[in-house]
Amino acid sequence: MKRDSKLSRPSMEGWSRDIIRNFEQSERDGGVYIDDIEVGACLRIRTTDHTALLVKCSENEFFICGHPRYYPSPIPISIIGSTWGGMMLKRQFIGIGMHLQFIRTNWKPGIRRRIRHSLSRFFRGRRYGFTHAAFRAVGEYLVDDRGIRTARILAIEEIIPAAA
């Protein structure tokens, strides 16, 4: 979806060619901004392995379901935005061909510690990027020690409007 929004396109002065290319590609491929989805609407999104349903419950709260392992039944999430697979984030955007980043709003500290422990074992104490919260690949998902998950969106198959 194109956006004729309040937010203007950021100045790309000083950005690398790769970043500019990614930004322009996301505009061509399309997607939807969180603010443009009405409360109660449902999005059917396709990832590399499955189809998921996102239902907008409030301003930035969604329920997601559809993944047999991570969310077979609806769980509450907060959508952070989409990335191109790196550290640059297009905030509050669900982009086709991009990696959707979201966090469970009911994330349990015990689970966080378990993931942190497995991360330190997996990476043997090495630091990656500018934080020690390195990502661990789990199928099509990446999980960091704060519980942020990311999934590559191949298509937004349908947007079902909220019932009037």
C-alpha atoms as a PDB file:
ATOM      1  CA  MET A   1       0.000   0.000   0.000  1.00  0.00           C
ATOM      2  CA  LYS A   2       1.222   3.451  -0.784  1.00  0.00           C
ATOM      3  CA  ARG A   3       1.146   6.027   1.945  1.00  0.00           C
ATOM      4  CA  ASP A   4       0.246   9.664   1.475  1.00  0.00           C
ATOM      5  CA  SER A   5       0.909  10.281   5.104  1.00  0.00           C
ATOM      6  CA  LYS A   6       1.868  12.832   7.640  1.00  0.00           C
ATOM      7  CA  LEU A   7       5.382  11.396   7.642  1.00  0.00           C
ATOM      8  CA  SER A   8       7.546  12.694   4.859  1.00  0.00           C
ATOM      9  CA  ARG A   9      10.242  10.617   3.223  1.00  0.00           C
ATOM     10  CA  PRO A  10      13.483  10.912   5.182  1.00  0.00           C
ATOM     11  CA  SER A  11      16.403  12.756   3.657  1.00  0.00           C
ATOM     12  CA  MET A  12      18.782  10.196   2.162  1.00  0.00           C
ATOM     13  CA  GLU A  13      21.753  12.494   2.098  1.00  0.00           C
ATOM     14  CA  GLY A  14      24.813  10.655   3.362  1.00  0.00           C
ATOM     15  CA  TRP A  15      23.196   7.200   3.151  1.00  0.00           C
ATOM     16  CA  SER A  16      25.029   4.373   1.406  1.00  0.00           C
ATOM     17  CA  ARG A  17      23.831   3.134  -1.979  1.00  0.00           C
ATOM     18  CA  ASP A  18      22.766  -0.179  -0.404  1.00  0.00           C
ATOM     19  CA  ILE A  19      20.518   1.547   2.118  1.00  0.00           C
ATOM     20  CA  ILE A  20      18.977   3.789  -0.544  1.00  0.00           C
ATOM     21  CA  ARG A  21      18.399   0.751  -2.792  1.00  0.00           C
ATOM     22  CA  ASN A  22      16.734  -1.177   0.071  1.00  0.00           C
ATOM     23  CA  PHE A  23      14.520   1.787   0.970  1.00  0.00           C
ATOM     24  CA  GLU A  24      13.415   2.289  -2.642  1.00  0.00           C
ATOM     25  CA  GLN A  25      12.840  -1.467  -3.073  1.00  0.00           C
ATOM     26  CA  SER A  26      10.536  -1.497  -0.036  1.00  0.00           C
ATOM     27  CA  GLU A  27       8.533   1.345  -1.590  1.00  0.00           C
ATOM     28  CA  ARG A  28       8.198  -0.606  -4.858  1.00  0.00           C
ATOM     29  CA  ASP A  29       7.313  -3.930  -3.175  1.00  0.00           C
ATOM     30  CA  GLY A  30       4.760  -2.316  -0.912  1.00  0.00           C
ATOM     31  CA  GLY A  31       3.519  -2.973   2.551  1.00  0.00           C
ATOM     32  CA  VAL A  32       1.333  -1.336   5.133  1.00  0.00           C
ATOM     33  CA  TYR A  33       1.984   1.122   7.946  1.00  0.00           C
ATOM     34  CA  ILE A  34       0.610   0.182  11.369  1.00  0.00           C
ATOM     35  CA  ASP A  35      -1.234   3.519  11.629  1.00  0.00           C
ATOM     36  CA  ASP A  36      -3.104   2.788   8.384  1.00  0.00           C
ATOM     37  CA  ILE A  37      -4.630  -0.436   9.757  1.00  0.00           C
ATOM     38  CA  GLU A  38      -7.897   0.125  11.568  1.00  0.00           C
ATOM     39  CA  VAL A  39      -8.531  -1.490  14.945  1.00  0.00           C
ATOM     40  CA  GLY A  40     -10.269  -4.845  14.439  1.00  0.00           C
ATOM     41  CA  ALA A  41      -8.809  -5.416  10.967  1.00  0.00           C
ATOM     42  CA  CYS A  42      -7.125  -8.733  10.185  1.00  0.00           C
ATOM     43  CA  LEU A  43      -4.092  -9.230   7.919  1.00  0.00           C
ATOM     44  CA  ARG A  44      -3.222 -12.575   6.399  1.00  0.00           C
ATOM     45  CA  ILE A  45       0.538 -12.614   5.781  1.00  0.00           C
ATOM     46  CA  ARG A  46       2.619 -15.297   4.099  1.00  0.00           C
ATOM     47  CA  THR A  47       6.151 -16.071   5.251  1.00  0.00           C
ATOM     48  CA  THR A  48       8.590 -18.626   3.866  1.00  0.00           C
ATOM     49  CA  ASP A  49       7.077 -21.490   5.894  1.00  0.00           C
ATOM     50  CA  HIS A  50       3.508 -20.630   6.820  1.00  0.00           C
ATOM     51  CA  THR A  51       0.608 -18.221   6.706  1.00  0.00           C
ATOM     52  CA  ALA A  52      -0.123 -16.136   9.793  1.00  0.00           C
ATOM     53  CA  LEU A  53      -3.026 -13.968  10.842  1.00  0.00           C
ATOM     54  CA  LEU A  54      -2.497 -10.585  12.497  1.00  0.00           C
ATOM     55  CA  VAL A  55      -5.451  -8.913  14.210  1.00  0.00           C
ATOM     56  CA  LYS A  56      -5.099  -5.301  15.364  1.00  0.00           C
ATOM     57  CA  CYS A  57      -6.550  -4.941  18.880  1.00  0.00           C
ATOM     58  CA  SER A  58      -5.472  -1.406  19.762  1.00  0.00           C
ATOM     59  CA  GLU A  59      -3.056   1.319  18.656  1.00  0.00           C
ATOM     60  CA  ASN A  60       0.054  -0.903  18.594  1.00  0.00           C
ATOM     61  CA  GLU A  61      -1.212  -4.205  19.957  1.00  0.00           C
ATOM     62  CA  PHE A  62      -1.877  -7.170  17.723  1.00  0.00           C
ATOM     63  CA  PHE A  63      -2.656 -10.824  18.123  1.00  0.00           C
ATOM     64  CA  ILE A  64      -0.772 -13.225  15.874  1.00  0.00           C
ATOM     65  CA  CYS A  65      -1.441 -16.904  15.222  1.00  0.00           C
ATOM     66  CA  GLY A  66      -0.633 -19.485  12.593  1.00  0.00           C
ATOM     67  CA  HIS A  67       2.880 -20.772  13.274  1.00  0.00           C
ATOM     68  CA  PRO A  68       2.729 -24.398  14.487  1.00  0.00           C
ATOM     69  CA  ARG A  69       5.637 -24.008  16.920  1.00  0.00           C
ATOM     70  CA  TYR A  70       5.856 -20.389  18.076  1.00  0.00           C
ATOM     71  CA  TYR A  71       2.250 -19.213  18.033  1.00  0.00           C
ATOM     72  CA  PRO A  72      -0.255 -21.970  17.193  1.00  0.00           C
ATOM     73  CA  SER A  73      -2.898 -20.065  19.166  1.00  0.00           C
ATOM     74  CA  PRO A  74      -3.233 -16.266  19.291  1.00  0.00           C
ATOM     75  CA  ILE A  75      -0.585 -14.432  21.335  1.00  0.00           C
ATOM     76  CA  PRO A  76      -0.381 -10.675  22.003  1.00  0.00           C
ATOM     77  CA  ILE A  77       2.473  -8.877  20.248  1.00  0.00           C
ATOM     78  CA  SER A  78       3.725  -5.370  19.636  1.00  0.00           C
ATOM     79  CA  ILE A  79       5.088  -4.709  16.139  1.00  0.00           C
ATOM     80  CA  ILE A  80       8.370  -2.818  16.051  1.00  0.00           C
ATOM     81  CA  GLY A  81       8.720  -2.539  12.276  1.00  0.00           C
ATOM     82  CA  SER A  82      10.507  -4.226   9.394  1.00  0.00           C
ATOM     83  CA  THR A  83      14.166  -4.632   8.489  1.00  0.00           C
ATOM     84  CA  TRP A  84      16.029  -5.753   5.417  1.00  0.00           C
ATOM     85  CA  GLY A  85      17.787  -8.416   7.482  1.00  0.00           C
ATOM     86  CA  GLY A  86      20.264  -6.023   9.086  1.00  0.00           C
ATOM     87  CA  MET A  87      20.148  -3.429  11.839  1.00  0.00           C
ATOM     88  CA  MET A  88      18.283  -0.686   9.939  1.00  0.00           C
ATOM     89  CA  LEU A  89      14.608  -0.591  10.866  1.00  0.00           C
ATOM     90  CA  LYS A  90      11.638   0.876   9.013  1.00  0.00           C
ATOM     91  CA  ARG A  91       9.490   1.617  12.071  1.00  0.00           C
ATOM     92  CA  GLN A  92       5.796   0.763  12.327  1.00  0.00           C
ATOM     93  CA  PHE A  93       5.813  -0.844   8.852  1.00  0.00           C
ATOM     94  CA  ILE A  94       4.939  -4.348   7.635  1.00  0.00           C
ATOM     95  CA  GLY A  95       6.938  -4.636   4.420  1.00  0.00           C
ATOM     96  CA  ILE A  96       6.719  -7.263   1.709  1.00  0.00           C
ATOM     97  CA  GLY A  97      10.117  -8.904   1.232  1.00  0.00           C
ATOM     98  CA  MET A  98      11.277  -7.488   4.569  1.00  0.00           C
ATOM     99  CA  HIS A  99      11.695  -9.053   8.011  1.00  0.00           C
ATOM    100  CA  LEU A 100       8.873  -8.186  10.403  1.00  0.00           C
ATOM    101  CA  GLN A 101      10.123  -7.537  13.940  1.00  0.00           C
ATOM    102  CA  PHE A 102       7.764  -7.984  16.843  1.00  0.00           C
ATOM    103  CA  ILE A 103       7.916  -8.682  20.540  1.00  0.00           C
ATOM    104  CA  ARG A 104       5.520 -10.688  22.672  1.00  0.00           C
ATOM    105  CA  THR A 105       3.833  -8.320  25.083  1.00  0.00           C
ATOM    106  CA  ASN A 106       3.521 -11.055  27.716  1.00  0.00           C
ATOM    107  CA  TRP A 107       7.190 -12.129  27.467  1.00  0.00           C
ATOM    108  CA  LYS A 108       8.332 -13.999  30.597  1.00  0.00           C
ATOM    109  CA  PRO A 109      11.728 -13.187  32.210  1.00  0.00           C
ATOM    110  CA  GLY A 110      12.429 -16.895  32.738  1.00  0.00           C
ATOM    111  CA  ILE A 111      12.188 -17.532  29.033  1.00  0.00           C
ATOM    112  CA  ARG A 112      14.437 -14.537  28.397  1.00  0.00           C
ATOM    113  CA  ARG A 113      17.134 -15.980  30.665  1.00  0.00           C
ATOM    114  CA  ARG A 114      16.922 -19.361  28.950  1.00  0.00           C
ATOM    115  CA  ILE A 115      17.377 -17.765  25.516  1.00  0.00           C
ATOM    116  CA  ARG A 116      20.243 -15.614  26.793  1.00  0.00           C
ATOM    117  CA  HIS A 117      21.944 -18.754  28.152  1.00  0.00           C
ATOM    118  CA  SER A 118      21.534 -20.636  24.872  1.00  0.00           C
ATOM    119  CA  LEU A 119      22.824 -17.586  22.973  1.00  0.00           C
ATOM    120  CA  SER A 120      25.992 -17.417  25.037  1.00  0.00           C
ATOM    121  CA  ARG A 121      26.537 -21.143  24.486  1.00  0.00           C
ATOM    122  CA  PHE A 122      25.772 -20.841  20.750  1.00  0.00           C
ATOM    123  CA  PHE A 123      28.106 -17.897  20.148  1.00  0.00           C
ATOM    124  CA  ARG A 124      30.712 -18.987  22.758  1.00  0.00           C
ATOM    125  CA  GLY A 125      30.903 -15.547  24.350  1.00  0.00           C
ATOM    126  CA  ARG A 126      31.696 -13.632  21.149  1.00  0.00           C
ATOM    127  CA  ARG A 127      30.034 -10.280  20.526  1.00  0.00           C
ATOM    128  CA  TYR A 128      28.330  -9.483  17.249  1.00  0.00           C
ATOM    129  CA  GLY A 129      27.231  -6.079  16.009  1.00  0.00           C
ATOM    130  CA  PHE A 130      27.160  -3.170  18.408  1.00  0.00           C
ATOM    131  CA  THR A 131      25.357  -5.045  21.196  1.00  0.00           C
ATOM    132  CA  HIS A 132      25.892  -8.375  22.866  1.00  0.00           C
ATOM    133  CA  ALA A 133      22.285  -9.323  22.035  1.00  0.00           C
ATOM    134  CA  ALA A 134      23.320 -11.445  19.062  1.00  0.00           C
ATOM    135  CA  PHE A 135      20.605 -13.237  17.152  1.00  0.00           C
ATOM    136  CA  ARG A 136      20.173 -17.017  17.000  1.00  0.00           C
ATOM    137  CA  ALA A 137      18.597 -18.486  13.884  1.00  0.00           C
ATOM    138  CA  VAL A 138      15.560 -20.702  14.458  1.00  0.00           C
ATOM    139  CA  GLY A 139      14.185 -21.759  11.078  1.00  0.00           C
ATOM    140  CA  GLU A 140      12.928 -18.604   9.410  1.00  0.00           C
ATOM    141  CA  TYR A 141      12.986 -16.743  12.721  1.00  0.00           C
ATOM    142  CA  LEU A 142      15.682 -14.906  14.602  1.00  0.00           C
ATOM    143  CA  VAL A 143      15.352 -14.575  18.364  1.00  0.00           C
ATOM    144  CA  ASP A 144      17.392 -12.200  20.512  1.00  0.00           C
ATOM    145  CA  ASP A 145      17.764 -12.048  24.272  1.00  0.00           C
ATOM    146  CA  ARG A 146      14.947  -9.496  24.630  1.00  0.00           C
ATOM    147  CA  GLY A 147      12.398 -11.797  23.013  1.00  0.00           C
ATOM    148  CA  ILE A 148      12.240  -9.888  19.741  1.00  0.00           C
ATOM    149  CA  ARG A 149      11.303 -12.146  16.861  1.00  0.00           C
ATOM    150  CA  THR A 150      11.583 -11.493  13.177  1.00  0.00           C
ATOM    151  CA  ALA A 151       9.983 -13.276  10.210  1.00  0.00           C
ATOM    152  CA  ARG A 152      10.462 -12.655   6.488  1.00  0.00           C
ATOM    153  CA  ILE A 153       7.184 -11.516   4.924  1.00  0.00           C
ATOM    154  CA  LEU A 154       6.665 -12.773   1.374  1.00  0.00           C
ATOM    155  CA  ALA A 155       3.196 -11.317   0.863  1.00  0.00           C
ATOM    156  CA  ILE A 156       0.299  -9.616   2.545  1.00  0.00           C
ATOM    157  CA  GLU A 157      -2.346 -11.868   1.047  1.00  0.00           C
ATOM    158  CA  GLU A 158      -5.418 -10.131   2.377  1.00  0.00           C
ATOM    159  CA  ILE A 159      -6.510  -7.278   4.602  1.00  0.00           C
ATOM    160  CA  ILE A 160      -9.903  -7.996   6.112  1.00  0.00           C
ATOM    161  CA  PRO A 161     -11.466  -4.737   7.355  1.00  0.00           C
ATOM    162  CA  ALA A 162     -12.956  -4.478  10.815  1.00  0.00           C
ATOM    163  CA  ALA A 163     -16.640  -5.324  11.031  1.00  0.00           C
ATOM    164  CA  ALA A 164     -18.761  -2.197  10.962  1.00  0.00           C
END
